[in-house]
Amino acid sequence: MGKFLGLDVGSKRIGVAVSDSSAKIALGLTILHRTNQKSDISHLLSIIREREITDIVVGLPLNLKGEKGYIAQQVKKFIEKCQKKIDKKFVYWDERFSSAQVKKEMIFAGAKAKKRKESIDEQAAQLILQGYLNFINGPGVDHRLSNS
């Protein structure tokens, strides 16, 4: 099994997580502050090469009805550009409520507002990736989404 990269793509930041070598545990890695698509993709390529990533799991923020709204469409547009430059397998994962869940857990743990804002995207990427790793490593609910 390869190493996986998890992405929580936002308009200002991209949260990034990576799996361990056994593809069982997701670890928060970094937050990329977005500048432009070319630079964003270049940063992702650097991480992919450095970490020897084989597969990329992208959180897709569906609306409450499970449909792709504006934000999900923006994420897909960015990932389609990435796919032209990055020759890896991409999988979309239903990430509804991931950021909200992370925020709630951080508040419960007593994290200050500034700390929450700084790390929520990275932790959301970790949550997205961990959900996918749990799925591929054993029985569970299938949150994969078609690439359409």
N, C-alpha and C. Protein backbone atom coordinates (compact mmCIF):
# COMPACT_ATOMS: atom_id res chain seq x y z
N MET A 1 0.84 -1.17 0.00
CA MET A 1 0.00 0.00 0.00
C MET A 1 0.89 1.24 0.00
N GLY A 2 0.45 2.28 -0.65
CA GLY A 2 1.25 3.49 -0.77
C GLY A 2 1.00 4.49 0.34
N LYS A 3 1.55 5.65 0.15
CA LYS A 3 1.32 6.75 1.10
C LYS A 3 0.28 7.69 0.52
N PHE A 4 -0.56 8.19 1.41
CA PHE A 4 -1.69 9.01 1.00
C PHE A 4 -1.53 10.45 1.48
N LEU A 5 -2.04 11.35 0.67
CA LEU A 5 -2.08 12.77 1.01
C LEU A 5 -3.55 13.14 1.15
N GLY A 6 -3.89 13.84 2.20
CA GLY A 6 -5.26 14.31 2.40
C GLY A 6 -5.30 15.81 2.23
N LEU A 7 -6.31 16.32 1.51
CA LEU A 7 -6.42 17.75 1.26
C LEU A 7 -7.78 18.28 1.69
N ASP A 8 -7.76 19.39 2.40
CA ASP A 8 -8.95 20.17 2.70
C ASP A 8 -8.77 21.49 1.96
N VAL A 9 -9.36 21.58 0.77
CA VAL A 9 -9.13 22.73 -0.11
C VAL A 9 -10.13 23.84 0.20
N GLY A 10 -9.60 24.99 0.55
CA GLY A 10 -10.42 26.16 0.78
C GLY A 10 -9.99 27.28 -0.16
N SER A 11 -10.69 28.39 -0.12
CA SER A 11 -10.36 29.49 -1.02
C SER A 11 -9.10 30.23 -0.58
N LYS A 12 -8.77 30.20 0.71
CA LYS A 12 -7.59 30.91 1.22
C LYS A 12 -6.47 29.99 1.66
N ARG A 13 -6.84 28.78 2.07
CA ARG A 13 -5.85 27.83 2.59
C ARG A 13 -6.17 26.42 2.11
N ILE A 14 -5.12 25.58 2.08
CA ILE A 14 -5.28 24.16 1.81
C ILE A 14 -4.68 23.43 3.01
N GLY A 15 -5.52 22.72 3.73
CA GLY A 15 -5.03 21.88 4.82
C GLY A 15 -4.46 20.61 4.22
N VAL A 16 -3.30 20.18 4.74
CA VAL A 16 -2.61 19.02 4.18
C VAL A 16 -2.30 18.02 5.29
N ALA A 17 -2.62 16.77 5.04
CA ALA A 17 -2.30 15.67 5.95
C ALA A 17 -1.64 14.57 5.13
N VAL A 18 -0.92 13.70 5.82
CA VAL A 18 -0.23 12.60 5.15
C VAL A 18 -0.43 11.34 5.98
N SER A 19 -0.43 10.21 5.32
CA SER A 19 -0.56 8.94 6.05
C SER A 19 0.82 8.46 6.47
N ASP A 20 0.82 7.58 7.45
CA ASP A 20 2.07 6.90 7.80
C ASP A 20 2.35 5.87 6.70
N SER A 21 3.49 5.20 6.76
CA SER A 21 3.88 4.28 5.68
C SER A 21 2.97 3.06 5.60
N SER A 22 2.26 2.72 6.68
CA SER A 22 1.35 1.58 6.64
C SER A 22 -0.05 1.98 6.15
N ALA A 23 -0.25 3.27 5.90
CA ALA A 23 -1.54 3.81 5.45
C ALA A 23 -2.66 3.49 6.43
N LYS A 24 -2.34 3.60 7.71
CA LYS A 24 -3.35 3.36 8.75
C LYS A 24 -3.64 4.61 9.57
N ILE A 25 -2.67 5.51 9.67
CA ILE A 25 -2.81 6.69 10.51
C ILE A 25 -2.56 7.96 9.69
N ALA A 26 -3.48 8.91 9.83
CA ALA A 26 -3.33 10.21 9.17
C ALA A 26 -2.69 11.19 10.15
N LEU A 27 -1.74 11.95 9.65
CA LEU A 27 -1.04 12.94 10.46
C LEU A 27 -1.17 14.30 9.79
N GLY A 28 -1.54 15.31 10.57
CA GLY A 28 -1.58 16.66 10.02
C GLY A 28 -0.17 17.06 9.60
N LEU A 29 -0.05 17.70 8.46
CA LEU A 29 1.27 18.06 7.94
C LEU A 29 1.49 19.57 7.91
N THR A 30 0.61 20.29 7.23
CA THR A 30 0.83 21.73 7.08
C THR A 30 -0.42 22.41 6.55
N ILE A 31 -0.34 23.70 6.48
CA ILE A 31 -1.36 24.52 5.84
C ILE A 31 -0.67 25.32 4.75
N LEU A 32 -1.18 25.21 3.54
CA LEU A 32 -0.66 26.02 2.44
C LEU A 32 -1.55 27.24 2.30
N HIS A 33 -0.95 28.41 2.38
CA HIS A 33 -1.70 29.65 2.17
C HIS A 33 -1.73 29.89 0.66
N ARG A 34 -2.92 29.92 0.10
CA ARG A 34 -3.09 29.99 -1.34
C ARG A 34 -2.68 31.35 -1.87
N THR A 35 -2.00 31.32 -3.01
CA THR A 35 -1.62 32.55 -3.70
C THR A 35 -2.21 32.56 -5.10
N ASN A 36 -1.81 31.58 -5.91
CA ASN A 36 -2.40 31.40 -7.23
C ASN A 36 -2.31 29.91 -7.56
N GLN A 37 -3.09 29.47 -8.55
CA GLN A 37 -3.16 28.03 -8.83
C GLN A 37 -1.81 27.43 -9.18
N LYS A 38 -1.02 28.13 -9.97
CA LYS A 38 0.29 27.60 -10.37
C LYS A 38 1.17 27.36 -9.15
N SER A 39 1.23 28.33 -8.27
CA SER A 39 2.03 28.21 -7.06
C SER A 39 1.46 27.14 -6.12
N ASP A 40 0.14 27.12 -5.99
CA ASP A 40 -0.50 26.12 -5.12
C ASP A 40 -0.17 24.71 -5.59
N ILE A 41 -0.29 24.47 -6.88
CA ILE A 41 0.00 23.15 -7.44
C ILE A 41 1.48 22.82 -7.29
N SER A 42 2.34 23.80 -7.48
CA SER A 42 3.78 23.60 -7.31
C SER A 42 4.11 23.17 -5.87
N HIS A 43 3.48 23.81 -4.89
CA HIS A 43 3.71 23.43 -3.49
C HIS A 43 3.24 21.99 -3.24
N LEU A 44 2.08 21.65 -3.79
CA LEU A 44 1.58 20.28 -3.61
C LEU A 44 2.51 19.27 -4.26
N LEU A 45 3.01 19.59 -5.45
CA LEU A 45 3.95 18.69 -6.13
C LEU A 45 5.20 18.45 -5.29
N SER A 46 5.70 19.50 -4.67
CA SER A 46 6.88 19.36 -3.81
C SER A 46 6.62 18.40 -2.66
N ILE A 47 5.47 18.55 -2.03
CA ILE A 47 5.12 17.66 -0.92
C ILE A 47 4.97 16.23 -1.42
N ILE A 48 4.31 16.06 -2.56
CA ILE A 48 4.09 14.73 -3.12
C ILE A 48 5.41 14.03 -3.41
N ARG A 49 6.34 14.75 -3.99
CA ARG A 49 7.65 14.16 -4.30
C ARG A 49 8.42 13.86 -3.02
N GLU A 50 8.46 14.82 -2.12
CA GLU A 50 9.22 14.68 -0.88
C GLU A 50 8.71 13.53 -0.02
N ARG A 51 7.40 13.37 0.03
CA ARG A 51 6.77 12.35 0.89
C ARG A 51 6.48 11.05 0.15
N GLU A 52 6.80 10.98 -1.14
CA GLU A 52 6.58 9.79 -1.96
C GLU A 52 5.12 9.34 -1.92
N ILE A 53 4.25 10.29 -2.18
CA ILE A 53 2.80 10.07 -2.14
C ILE A 53 2.35 9.29 -3.38
N THR A 54 1.43 8.35 -3.17
CA THR A 54 0.90 7.57 -4.29
C THR A 54 -0.55 7.92 -4.61
N ASP A 55 -1.31 8.33 -3.60
CA ASP A 55 -2.73 8.61 -3.77
C ASP A 55 -3.11 9.89 -3.02
N ILE A 56 -4.09 10.61 -3.55
CA ILE A 56 -4.51 11.87 -2.95
C ILE A 56 -6.00 11.82 -2.67
N VAL A 57 -6.35 12.09 -1.41
CA VAL A 57 -7.74 12.09 -0.97
C VAL A 57 -8.16 13.55 -0.77
N VAL A 58 -9.19 13.95 -1.48
CA VAL A 58 -9.65 15.34 -1.46
C VAL A 58 -11.02 15.41 -0.82
N GLY A 59 -11.13 16.23 0.21
CA GLY A 59 -12.42 16.44 0.84
C GLY A 59 -13.32 17.24 -0.07
N LEU A 60 -14.53 16.75 -0.29
CA LEU A 60 -15.49 17.46 -1.13
C LEU A 60 -16.65 17.92 -0.25
N PRO A 61 -16.78 19.23 -0.07
CA PRO A 61 -17.80 19.76 0.84
C PRO A 61 -19.19 19.81 0.20
N LEU A 62 -19.94 18.74 0.39
CA LEU A 62 -21.28 18.69 -0.15
C LEU A 62 -22.24 19.45 0.76
N ASN A 63 -23.39 19.83 0.21
CA ASN A 63 -24.37 20.52 1.05
C ASN A 63 -25.16 19.49 1.85
N LEU A 64 -26.11 19.93 2.64
CA LEU A 64 -26.86 19.03 3.52
C LEU A 64 -27.62 17.95 2.77
N LYS A 65 -27.99 18.24 1.52
CA LYS A 65 -28.71 17.26 0.71
C LYS A 65 -27.75 16.29 0.01
N GLY A 66 -26.46 16.47 0.19
CA GLY A 66 -25.48 15.61 -0.46
C GLY A 66 -25.17 16.03 -1.88
N GLU A 67 -25.51 17.25 -2.22
CA GLU A 67 -25.28 17.76 -3.57
C GLU A 67 -24.06 18.68 -3.60
N LYS A 68 -23.49 18.83 -4.79
CA LYS A 68 -22.34 19.70 -4.97
C LYS A 68 -22.81 21.14 -5.15
N GLY A 69 -22.54 21.97 -4.17
CA GLY A 69 -22.86 23.38 -4.27
C GLY A 69 -21.68 24.14 -4.86
N TYR A 70 -21.72 25.44 -4.70
CA TYR A 70 -20.69 26.32 -5.26
C TYR A 70 -19.29 25.96 -4.76
N ILE A 71 -19.14 25.77 -3.47
CA ILE A 71 -17.81 25.50 -2.90
C ILE A 71 -17.26 24.18 -3.43
N ALA A 72 -18.10 23.15 -3.47
CA ALA A 72 -17.66 21.85 -4.00
C ALA A 72 -17.26 21.99 -5.47
N GLN A 73 -17.97 22.79 -6.24
CA GLN A 73 -17.62 23.01 -7.64
C GLN A 73 -16.26 23.69 -7.75
N GLN A 74 -15.97 24.64 -6.87
CA GLN A 74 -14.67 25.33 -6.88
C GLN A 74 -13.55 24.35 -6.54
N VAL A 75 -13.79 23.48 -5.57
CA VAL A 75 -12.79 22.46 -5.20
C VAL A 75 -12.53 21.56 -6.41
N LYS A 76 -13.60 21.10 -7.05
CA LYS A 76 -13.43 20.21 -8.22
C LYS A 76 -12.66 20.90 -9.34
N LYS A 77 -12.94 22.18 -9.60
CA LYS A 77 -12.20 22.91 -10.64
C LYS A 77 -10.71 22.94 -10.33
N PHE A 78 -10.37 23.22 -9.07
CA PHE A 78 -8.96 23.26 -8.68
C PHE A 78 -8.32 21.87 -8.83
N ILE A 79 -9.01 20.84 -8.39
CA ILE A 79 -8.46 19.48 -8.48
C ILE A 79 -8.31 19.05 -9.93
N GLU A 80 -9.22 19.44 -10.80
CA GLU A 80 -9.08 19.12 -12.22
C GLU A 80 -7.82 19.74 -12.79
N LYS A 81 -7.47 20.95 -12.35
CA LYS A 81 -6.22 21.58 -12.78
C LYS A 81 -5.03 20.79 -12.22
N CYS A 82 -5.14 20.36 -10.97
CA CYS A 82 -4.07 19.56 -10.36
C CYS A 82 -3.84 18.27 -11.12
N GLN A 83 -4.92 17.62 -11.52
CA GLN A 83 -4.81 16.34 -12.21
C GLN A 83 -4.06 16.45 -13.53
N LYS A 84 -4.07 17.63 -14.13
CA LYS A 84 -3.34 17.83 -15.38
C LYS A 84 -1.83 17.89 -15.14
N LYS A 85 -1.43 18.24 -13.92
CA LYS A 85 -0.01 18.39 -13.58
C LYS A 85 0.52 17.30 -12.66
N ILE A 86 -0.38 16.63 -11.96
CA ILE A 86 0.02 15.64 -10.96
C ILE A 86 -0.50 14.28 -11.39
N ASP A 87 0.41 13.38 -11.73
CA ASP A 87 0.04 12.05 -12.21
C ASP A 87 -0.10 11.08 -11.04
N LYS A 88 -1.17 11.27 -10.28
CA LYS A 88 -1.47 10.42 -9.13
C LYS A 88 -2.96 10.11 -9.14
N LYS A 89 -3.34 9.10 -8.37
CA LYS A 89 -4.75 8.77 -8.22
C LYS A 89 -5.39 9.76 -7.25
N PHE A 90 -6.49 10.37 -7.66
CA PHE A 90 -7.25 11.30 -6.82
C PHE A 90 -8.58 10.64 -6.46
N VAL A 91 -8.97 10.76 -5.20
CA VAL A 91 -10.25 10.25 -4.72
C VAL A 91 -10.94 11.37 -3.96
N TYR A 92 -12.22 11.58 -4.26
CA TYR A 92 -13.00 12.55 -3.49
C TYR A 92 -13.63 11.84 -2.31
N TRP A 93 -13.66 12.52 -1.17
CA TRP A 93 -14.24 11.97 0.05
C TRP A 93 -15.23 12.97 0.63
N ASP A 94 -16.39 12.49 0.98
CA ASP A 94 -17.43 13.34 1.55
C ASP A 94 -16.92 13.94 2.86
N GLU A 95 -16.77 15.25 2.89
CA GLU A 95 -16.20 15.90 4.07
C GLU A 95 -17.18 16.82 4.77
N ARG A 96 -18.46 16.58 4.55
CA ARG A 96 -19.44 17.41 5.24
C ARG A 96 -19.15 17.45 6.73
N PHE A 97 -19.13 18.62 7.26
CA PHE A 97 -18.99 18.88 8.69
C PHE A 97 -17.58 18.61 9.26
N SER A 98 -16.59 18.31 8.43
CA SER A 98 -15.26 18.02 8.98
C SER A 98 -14.68 19.23 9.71
N SER A 99 -14.74 20.41 9.11
CA SER A 99 -14.20 21.60 9.77
C SER A 99 -15.00 21.93 11.02
N ALA A 100 -16.32 21.79 10.94
CA ALA A 100 -17.15 22.06 12.12
C ALA A 100 -16.83 21.08 13.24
N GLN A 101 -16.61 19.82 12.90
CA GLN A 101 -16.27 18.81 13.91
C GLN A 101 -14.93 19.14 14.57
N VAL A 102 -13.94 19.51 13.76
CA VAL A 102 -12.63 19.86 14.30
C VAL A 102 -12.75 21.08 15.21
N LYS A 103 -13.49 22.07 14.76
CA LYS A 103 -13.66 23.29 15.57
C LYS A 103 -14.31 22.97 16.91
N LYS A 104 -15.34 22.14 16.89
CA LYS A 104 -16.03 21.75 18.12
C LYS A 104 -15.07 21.02 19.07
N GLU A 105 -14.27 20.11 18.53
CA GLU A 105 -13.32 19.36 19.35
C GLU A 105 -12.26 20.29 19.94
N MET A 106 -11.82 21.28 19.16
CA MET A 106 -10.81 22.22 19.65
C MET A 106 -11.37 23.12 20.75
N ILE A 107 -12.62 23.54 20.60
CA ILE A 107 -13.25 24.35 21.64
C ILE A 107 -13.37 23.53 22.91
N PHE A 108 -13.81 22.27 22.77
CA PHE A 108 -13.94 21.38 23.92
C PHE A 108 -12.60 21.19 24.62
N ALA A 109 -11.53 21.14 23.84
CA ALA A 109 -10.18 20.95 24.40
C ALA A 109 -9.61 22.24 24.96
N GLY A 110 -10.32 23.36 24.78
CA GLY A 110 -9.87 24.62 25.34
C GLY A 110 -8.93 25.42 24.46
N ALA A 111 -8.85 25.10 23.18
CA ALA A 111 -7.96 25.84 22.28
C ALA A 111 -8.48 27.26 22.09
N LYS A 112 -7.58 28.21 22.12
CA LYS A 112 -7.92 29.62 21.91
C LYS A 112 -8.34 29.83 20.45
N ALA A 113 -9.11 30.90 20.22
CA ALA A 113 -9.63 31.20 18.88
C ALA A 113 -8.52 31.31 17.85
N LYS A 114 -7.42 31.97 18.20
CA LYS A 114 -6.30 32.15 17.25
C LYS A 114 -5.71 30.79 16.87
N LYS A 115 -5.53 29.92 17.84
CA LYS A 115 -4.97 28.59 17.59
C LYS A 115 -5.92 27.78 16.70
N ARG A 116 -7.22 27.91 16.97
CA ARG A 116 -8.21 27.18 16.15
C ARG A 116 -8.12 27.63 14.71
N LYS A 117 -8.08 28.92 14.48
CA LYS A 117 -8.04 29.45 13.12
C LYS A 117 -6.77 29.00 12.39
N GLU A 118 -5.65 28.93 13.12
CA GLU A 118 -4.37 28.56 12.51
C GLU A 118 -4.30 27.09 12.10
N SER A 119 -5.00 26.23 12.81
CA SER A 119 -4.79 24.80 12.55
C SER A 119 -6.02 24.03 12.08
N ILE A 120 -7.17 24.69 11.98
CA ILE A 120 -8.39 23.95 11.64
C ILE A 120 -8.32 23.27 10.27
N ASP A 121 -7.71 23.91 9.29
CA ASP A 121 -7.64 23.32 7.94
C ASP A 121 -6.76 22.08 7.93
N GLU A 122 -5.63 22.15 8.62
CA GLU A 122 -4.74 20.99 8.70
C GLU A 122 -5.43 19.83 9.40
N GLN A 123 -6.11 20.11 10.49
CA GLN A 123 -6.79 19.06 11.24
C GLN A 123 -7.99 18.51 10.47
N ALA A 124 -8.66 19.36 9.70
CA ALA A 124 -9.75 18.88 8.85
C ALA A 124 -9.20 17.93 7.78
N ALA A 125 -8.05 18.26 7.21
CA ALA A 125 -7.41 17.37 6.22
C ALA A 125 -7.07 16.03 6.87
N GLN A 126 -6.60 16.09 8.11
CA GLN A 126 -6.27 14.87 8.84
C GLN A 126 -7.53 14.02 9.07
N LEU A 127 -8.63 14.66 9.44
CA LEU A 127 -9.89 13.96 9.67
C LEU A 127 -10.41 13.33 8.38
N ILE A 128 -10.32 14.06 7.28
CA ILE A 128 -10.75 13.55 5.97
C ILE A 128 -9.92 12.32 5.60
N LEU A 129 -8.61 12.45 5.71
CA LEU A 129 -7.72 11.34 5.35
C LEU A 129 -7.93 10.15 6.27
N GLN A 130 -8.09 10.39 7.56
CA GLN A 130 -8.28 9.27 8.49
C GLN A 130 -9.57 8.52 8.18
N GLY A 131 -10.62 9.24 7.82
CA GLY A 131 -11.86 8.58 7.43
C GLY A 131 -11.66 7.65 6.24
N TYR A 132 -10.90 8.13 5.26
CA TYR A 132 -10.64 7.31 4.08
C TYR A 132 -9.77 6.10 4.43
N LEU A 133 -8.74 6.33 5.24
CA LEU A 133 -7.86 5.21 5.64
C LEU A 133 -8.63 4.17 6.42
N ASN A 134 -9.51 4.61 7.30
CA ASN A 134 -10.35 3.66 8.05
C ASN A 134 -11.19 2.82 7.09
N PHE A 135 -11.71 3.46 6.06
CA PHE A 135 -12.53 2.76 5.09
C PHE A 135 -11.73 1.70 4.33
N ILE A 136 -10.55 2.07 3.82
CA ILE A 136 -9.80 1.11 2.99
C ILE A 136 -9.15 0.01 3.83
N ASN A 137 -9.02 0.23 5.12
CA ASN A 137 -8.38 -0.76 5.99
C ASN A 137 -9.36 -1.67 6.72
N GLY A 138 -10.63 -1.49 6.50
CA GLY A 138 -11.57 -2.36 7.19
C GLY A 138 -13.00 -2.00 6.89
N PRO A 139 -13.91 -2.73 7.49
CA PRO A 139 -15.33 -2.45 7.22
C PRO A 139 -15.71 -1.08 7.75
N GLY A 140 -16.59 -0.44 7.02
CA GLY A 140 -17.05 0.89 7.42
C GLY A 140 -18.00 1.46 6.40
N VAL A 141 -18.44 2.64 6.66
CA VAL A 141 -19.34 3.33 5.76
C VAL A 141 -18.54 3.90 4.61
N ASP A 142 -19.05 3.73 3.40
CA ASP A 142 -18.36 4.21 2.21
C ASP A 142 -18.70 5.67 1.96
N HIS A 143 -17.71 6.56 2.18
CA HIS A 143 -17.89 7.98 1.95
C HIS A 143 -17.23 8.43 0.65
N ARG A 144 -16.72 7.45 -0.13
CA ARG A 144 -16.10 7.84 -1.41
C ARG A 144 -17.16 8.41 -2.31
N LEU A 145 -16.71 9.30 -3.14
CA LEU A 145 -17.61 9.92 -4.12
C LEU A 145 -17.09 9.61 -5.50
N SER A 146 -17.98 9.51 -6.44
CA SER A 146 -17.52 9.30 -7.81
C SER A 146 -16.74 10.54 -8.26
N ASN A 147 -15.93 10.37 -9.24
CA ASN A 147 -15.13 11.50 -9.75
C ASN A 147 -15.93 12.36 -10.70
N SER A 148 -17.22 12.16 -10.78
CA SER A 148 -18.05 12.98 -11.68
C SER A 148 -18.54 14.22 -11.00
